Amino acid sequence: MKHILRLSWLTAALMIAAGGSLVAHAQDTNTVRGMAATCANCHGTEGRSAGTVPGLAGVDKTHIVQQMQDFKTGKRASTIMQQLAKGFTDAQIEQIAAWFSAQKK
């Protein structure tokens, strides 16, 4: 009986721990989705552009990161993107790029 009780407590503890990491992952995903939403005005909802601005959905992560770094450093000129890119850390740019690359075109 003690063994079953211990096993029950261990199982409950593991479920709580797993649930905590799932909640943290969901919050991280929502945070990245929120950062990516700042791109929607020009690049379309979830990166699916309907206009002349290129879409970002399904674009290779490395390409997006490089473009954002080029905007951020001034290597690539743009009146809007240079300012927006400077507002994100390198880690945030990586997260946003990964999010867009995971979206279906």
N, C-alpha and C. Protein backbone atom coordinates (compact mmCIF):
# COMPACT_ATOMS: atom_id res chain seq x y z
N MET A 1 0.83 -1.20 0.00
CA MET A 1 0.00 0.00 0.00
C MET A 1 0.87 1.26 0.00
N LYS A 2 1.95 1.26 0.81
CA LYS A 2 2.83 2.43 0.85
C LYS A 2 3.47 2.66 -0.51
N HIS A 3 3.80 1.56 -1.19
CA HIS A 3 4.42 1.65 -2.51
C HIS A 3 3.47 2.32 -3.51
N ILE A 4 2.21 1.94 -3.47
CA ILE A 4 1.21 2.52 -4.38
C ILE A 4 1.02 3.99 -4.07
N LEU A 5 0.98 4.34 -2.79
CA LEU A 5 0.82 5.72 -2.39
C LEU A 5 2.00 6.57 -2.88
N ARG A 6 3.22 6.05 -2.70
CA ARG A 6 4.42 6.75 -3.17
C ARG A 6 4.39 6.93 -4.68
N LEU A 7 4.00 5.87 -5.38
CA LEU A 7 3.90 5.92 -6.83
C LEU A 7 2.87 6.95 -7.27
N SER A 8 1.78 7.03 -6.55
CA SER A 8 0.74 8.03 -6.87
C SER A 8 1.27 9.44 -6.70
N TRP A 9 1.99 9.68 -5.61
CA TRP A 9 2.57 11.00 -5.36
C TRP A 9 3.60 11.35 -6.42
N LEU A 10 4.42 10.38 -6.79
CA LEU A 10 5.43 10.61 -7.81
C LEU A 10 4.78 10.92 -9.16
N THR A 11 3.76 10.18 -9.50
CA THR A 11 3.03 10.42 -10.75
C THR A 11 2.41 11.82 -10.74
N ALA A 12 1.79 12.19 -9.66
CA ALA A 12 1.18 13.52 -9.55
C ALA A 12 2.24 14.61 -9.68
N ALA A 13 3.38 14.41 -9.03
CA ALA A 13 4.46 15.41 -9.10
C ALA A 13 4.98 15.56 -10.52
N LEU A 14 5.13 14.43 -11.21
CA LEU A 14 5.61 14.48 -12.60
C LEU A 14 4.60 15.17 -13.51
N MET A 15 3.33 14.92 -13.29
CA MET A 15 2.28 15.55 -14.10
C MET A 15 2.27 17.06 -13.87
N ILE A 16 2.42 17.47 -12.63
CA ILE A 16 2.47 18.90 -12.32
C ILE A 16 3.68 19.54 -12.98
N ALA A 17 4.83 18.87 -12.89
CA ALA A 17 6.05 19.40 -13.49
C ALA A 17 5.90 19.50 -15.01
N ALA A 18 5.34 18.49 -15.63
CA ALA A 18 5.14 18.51 -17.07
C ALA A 18 4.15 19.59 -17.46
N GLY A 19 3.08 19.72 -16.68
CA GLY A 19 2.09 20.76 -16.95
C GLY A 19 2.69 22.13 -16.85
N GLY A 20 3.58 22.34 -15.90
CA GLY A 20 4.24 23.63 -15.74
C GLY A 20 5.08 23.96 -16.95
N SER A 21 5.79 22.98 -17.49
CA SER A 21 6.61 23.26 -18.67
C SER A 21 5.73 23.47 -19.89
N LEU A 22 4.58 22.79 -19.96
CA LEU A 22 3.67 23.01 -21.07
C LEU A 22 3.07 24.41 -21.01
N VAL A 23 2.75 24.86 -19.82
CA VAL A 23 2.23 26.23 -19.67
C VAL A 23 3.29 27.24 -20.06
N ALA A 24 4.53 27.01 -19.62
CA ALA A 24 5.62 27.93 -19.98
C ALA A 24 5.83 27.95 -21.48
N HIS A 25 5.76 26.79 -22.12
CA HIS A 25 5.92 26.73 -23.57
C HIS A 25 4.80 27.48 -24.27
N ALA A 26 3.57 27.32 -23.79
CA ALA A 26 2.43 28.03 -24.38
C ALA A 26 2.59 29.53 -24.22
N GLN A 27 3.08 29.98 -23.06
CA GLN A 27 3.30 31.40 -22.85
C GLN A 27 4.39 31.92 -23.78
N ASP A 28 5.48 31.15 -23.94
CA ASP A 28 6.56 31.54 -24.85
C ASP A 28 6.04 31.65 -26.27
N THR A 29 5.23 30.67 -26.70
CA THR A 29 4.67 30.68 -28.04
C THR A 29 3.77 31.90 -28.23
N ASN A 30 2.96 32.22 -27.23
CA ASN A 30 2.09 33.39 -27.33
C ASN A 30 2.90 34.68 -27.37
N THR A 31 4.00 34.72 -26.64
CA THR A 31 4.87 35.90 -26.66
C THR A 31 5.47 36.10 -28.04
N VAL A 32 5.97 35.03 -28.62
CA VAL A 32 6.57 35.11 -29.96
C VAL A 32 5.50 35.46 -30.99
N ARG A 33 4.33 34.86 -30.88
CA ARG A 33 3.23 35.17 -31.80
C ARG A 33 2.87 36.66 -31.68
N GLY A 34 2.89 37.19 -30.47
CA GLY A 34 2.61 38.61 -30.28
C GLY A 34 3.66 39.50 -30.92
N MET A 35 4.93 39.11 -30.80
CA MET A 35 5.99 39.89 -31.46
C MET A 35 5.83 39.82 -32.97
N ALA A 36 5.52 38.64 -33.49
CA ALA A 36 5.35 38.45 -34.93
C ALA A 36 4.14 39.23 -35.45
N ALA A 37 3.16 39.45 -34.60
CA ALA A 37 1.95 40.18 -35.01
C ALA A 37 2.27 41.62 -35.39
N THR A 38 3.38 42.15 -34.89
CA THR A 38 3.75 43.52 -35.27
C THR A 38 4.09 43.61 -36.75
N CYS A 39 4.33 42.48 -37.39
CA CYS A 39 4.69 42.45 -38.82
C CYS A 39 3.46 42.35 -39.72
N ALA A 40 2.29 42.09 -39.13
CA ALA A 40 1.08 41.80 -39.89
C ALA A 40 0.61 42.96 -40.76
N ASN A 41 0.79 44.20 -40.33
CA ASN A 41 0.30 45.33 -41.12
C ASN A 41 0.87 45.33 -42.53
N CYS A 42 2.12 44.94 -42.67
CA CYS A 42 2.75 44.96 -43.99
C CYS A 42 2.89 43.56 -44.61
N HIS A 43 3.23 42.58 -43.78
CA HIS A 43 3.54 41.24 -44.28
C HIS A 43 2.37 40.27 -44.20
N GLY A 44 1.22 40.75 -43.72
CA GLY A 44 0.02 39.93 -43.66
C GLY A 44 -0.10 39.12 -42.39
N THR A 45 -1.33 38.72 -42.10
CA THR A 45 -1.60 37.91 -40.92
C THR A 45 -0.83 36.60 -41.02
N GLU A 46 -0.11 36.27 -39.98
CA GLU A 46 0.74 35.08 -39.91
C GLU A 46 1.74 35.01 -41.06
N GLY A 47 2.09 36.19 -41.60
CA GLY A 47 3.11 36.25 -42.63
C GLY A 47 2.63 35.94 -44.03
N ARG A 48 1.32 35.89 -44.23
CA ARG A 48 0.75 35.61 -45.55
C ARG A 48 0.32 36.92 -46.20
N SER A 49 1.22 37.52 -46.92
CA SER A 49 0.97 38.82 -47.53
C SER A 49 0.00 38.71 -48.70
N ALA A 50 -0.91 39.65 -48.77
CA ALA A 50 -1.85 39.71 -49.89
C ALA A 50 -1.48 40.86 -50.82
N GLY A 51 -0.46 41.62 -50.46
CA GLY A 51 -0.08 42.79 -51.24
C GLY A 51 1.27 42.62 -51.90
N THR A 52 1.93 43.75 -52.11
CA THR A 52 3.22 43.73 -52.79
C THR A 52 4.39 43.46 -51.85
N VAL A 53 4.17 43.60 -50.55
CA VAL A 53 5.22 43.32 -49.57
C VAL A 53 5.37 41.80 -49.48
N PRO A 54 6.61 41.30 -49.48
CA PRO A 54 6.79 39.84 -49.44
C PRO A 54 6.20 39.20 -48.19
N GLY A 55 5.64 38.02 -48.38
CA GLY A 55 5.15 37.24 -47.26
C GLY A 55 6.33 36.62 -46.52
N LEU A 56 6.13 36.29 -45.26
CA LEU A 56 7.17 35.68 -44.43
C LEU A 56 6.86 34.24 -44.06
N ALA A 57 5.62 33.82 -44.25
CA ALA A 57 5.22 32.46 -43.90
C ALA A 57 6.00 31.45 -44.73
N GLY A 58 6.61 30.50 -44.04
CA GLY A 58 7.34 29.43 -44.71
C GLY A 58 8.71 29.80 -45.24
N VAL A 59 9.13 31.04 -45.03
CA VAL A 59 10.46 31.48 -45.49
C VAL A 59 11.51 30.91 -44.55
N ASP A 60 12.64 30.51 -45.11
CA ASP A 60 13.73 29.93 -44.32
C ASP A 60 14.13 30.86 -43.17
N LYS A 61 14.24 30.29 -41.98
CA LYS A 61 14.57 31.06 -40.77
C LYS A 61 15.88 31.83 -40.94
N THR A 62 16.89 31.17 -41.49
CA THR A 62 18.20 31.80 -41.64
C THR A 62 18.10 33.05 -42.53
N HIS A 63 17.29 32.97 -43.56
CA HIS A 63 17.11 34.11 -44.47
C HIS A 63 16.45 35.29 -43.74
N ILE A 64 15.41 35.00 -42.97
CA ILE A 64 14.73 36.06 -42.23
C ILE A 64 15.68 36.70 -41.24
N VAL A 65 16.42 35.88 -40.50
CA VAL A 65 17.37 36.41 -39.51
C VAL A 65 18.40 37.31 -40.20
N GLN A 66 18.94 36.86 -41.32
CA GLN A 66 19.95 37.65 -42.02
C GLN A 66 19.38 38.99 -42.49
N GLN A 67 18.18 38.97 -43.04
CA GLN A 67 17.55 40.21 -43.51
C GLN A 67 17.33 41.16 -42.34
N MET A 68 16.83 40.64 -41.23
CA MET A 68 16.59 41.49 -40.06
C MET A 68 17.90 42.06 -39.50
N GLN A 69 18.95 41.24 -39.48
CA GLN A 69 20.24 41.74 -39.00
C GLN A 69 20.78 42.81 -39.95
N ASP A 70 20.58 42.62 -41.24
CA ASP A 70 21.02 43.63 -42.22
C ASP A 70 20.26 44.94 -42.03
N PHE A 71 18.96 44.85 -41.76
CA PHE A 71 18.19 46.07 -41.48
C PHE A 71 18.69 46.71 -40.19
N LYS A 72 18.88 45.89 -39.19
CA LYS A 72 19.28 46.38 -37.85
C LYS A 72 20.62 47.12 -37.89
N THR A 73 21.57 46.60 -38.66
CA THR A 73 22.90 47.21 -38.72
C THR A 73 23.01 48.32 -39.75
N GLY A 74 21.98 48.46 -40.58
CA GLY A 74 22.01 49.48 -41.63
C GLY A 74 22.63 48.98 -42.93
N LYS A 75 23.03 47.73 -42.97
CA LYS A 75 23.59 47.16 -44.20
C LYS A 75 22.55 47.16 -45.31
N ARG A 76 21.29 46.96 -44.94
CA ARG A 76 20.18 47.04 -45.90
C ARG A 76 19.33 48.24 -45.52
N ALA A 77 19.18 49.14 -46.46
CA ALA A 77 18.46 50.39 -46.18
C ALA A 77 16.95 50.20 -46.30
N SER A 78 16.25 50.84 -45.39
CA SER A 78 14.79 50.87 -45.40
C SER A 78 14.35 51.89 -44.37
N THR A 79 13.36 52.66 -44.71
CA THR A 79 12.91 53.67 -43.75
C THR A 79 12.17 53.05 -42.57
N ILE A 80 11.40 52.00 -42.83
CA ILE A 80 10.60 51.40 -41.77
C ILE A 80 11.32 50.23 -41.10
N MET A 81 11.82 49.30 -41.89
CA MET A 81 12.38 48.07 -41.33
C MET A 81 13.62 48.32 -40.47
N GLN A 82 14.42 49.31 -40.81
CA GLN A 82 15.59 49.61 -39.97
C GLN A 82 15.15 49.96 -38.56
N GLN A 83 14.12 50.76 -38.44
CA GLN A 83 13.64 51.15 -37.11
C GLN A 83 13.01 49.98 -36.37
N LEU A 84 12.22 49.19 -37.08
CA LEU A 84 11.57 48.05 -36.43
C LEU A 84 12.61 47.01 -35.98
N ALA A 85 13.57 46.72 -36.82
CA ALA A 85 14.59 45.71 -36.49
C ALA A 85 15.40 46.11 -35.26
N LYS A 86 15.66 47.39 -35.12
CA LYS A 86 16.42 47.86 -33.97
C LYS A 86 15.67 47.67 -32.66
N GLY A 87 14.36 47.49 -32.75
CA GLY A 87 13.54 47.30 -31.55
C GLY A 87 13.55 45.88 -30.99
N PHE A 88 14.18 44.94 -31.72
CA PHE A 88 14.22 43.55 -31.28
C PHE A 88 15.64 43.14 -30.93
N THR A 89 15.76 42.31 -29.90
CA THR A 89 17.06 41.73 -29.57
C THR A 89 17.37 40.64 -30.61
N ASP A 90 18.62 40.20 -30.65
CA ASP A 90 18.99 39.12 -31.56
C ASP A 90 18.20 37.85 -31.25
N ALA A 91 17.99 37.58 -29.97
CA ALA A 91 17.23 36.39 -29.57
C ALA A 91 15.77 36.49 -30.04
N GLN A 92 15.19 37.68 -29.92
CA GLN A 92 13.81 37.87 -30.37
C GLN A 92 13.71 37.71 -31.89
N ILE A 93 14.69 38.21 -32.62
CA ILE A 93 14.70 38.05 -34.07
C ILE A 93 14.75 36.57 -34.43
N GLU A 94 15.57 35.80 -33.72
CA GLU A 94 15.65 34.34 -33.95
C GLU A 94 14.29 33.68 -33.69
N GLN A 95 13.64 34.08 -32.61
CA GLN A 95 12.34 33.49 -32.26
C GLN A 95 11.27 33.84 -33.30
N ILE A 96 11.24 35.09 -33.71
CA ILE A 96 10.25 35.53 -34.70
C ILE A 96 10.49 34.81 -36.03
N ALA A 97 11.75 34.73 -36.44
CA ALA A 97 12.09 34.07 -37.70
C ALA A 97 11.68 32.59 -37.66
N ALA A 98 11.92 31.94 -36.53
CA ALA A 98 11.53 30.53 -36.39
C ALA A 98 10.02 30.39 -36.48
N TRP A 99 9.30 31.32 -35.87
CA TRP A 99 7.84 31.28 -35.89
C TRP A 99 7.32 31.42 -37.32
N PHE A 100 7.83 32.42 -38.05
CA PHE A 100 7.38 32.62 -39.43
C PHE A 100 7.76 31.43 -40.31
N SER A 101 8.93 30.90 -40.14
CA SER A 101 9.34 29.78 -41.00
C SER A 101 8.48 28.55 -40.75
N ALA A 102 7.88 28.44 -39.58
CA ALA A 102 7.02 27.30 -39.26
C ALA A 102 5.59 27.45 -39.79
N GLN A 103 5.24 28.66 -40.26
CA GLN A 103 3.89 28.90 -40.76
C GLN A 103 3.77 28.37 -42.19
N LYS A 104 2.59 27.89 -42.53
CA LYS A 104 2.34 27.42 -43.90
C LYS A 104 2.05 28.60 -44.79
N LYS A 105 2.54 28.54 -46.02
CA LYS A 105 2.31 29.62 -46.99
C LYS A 105 0.87 29.72 -47.38
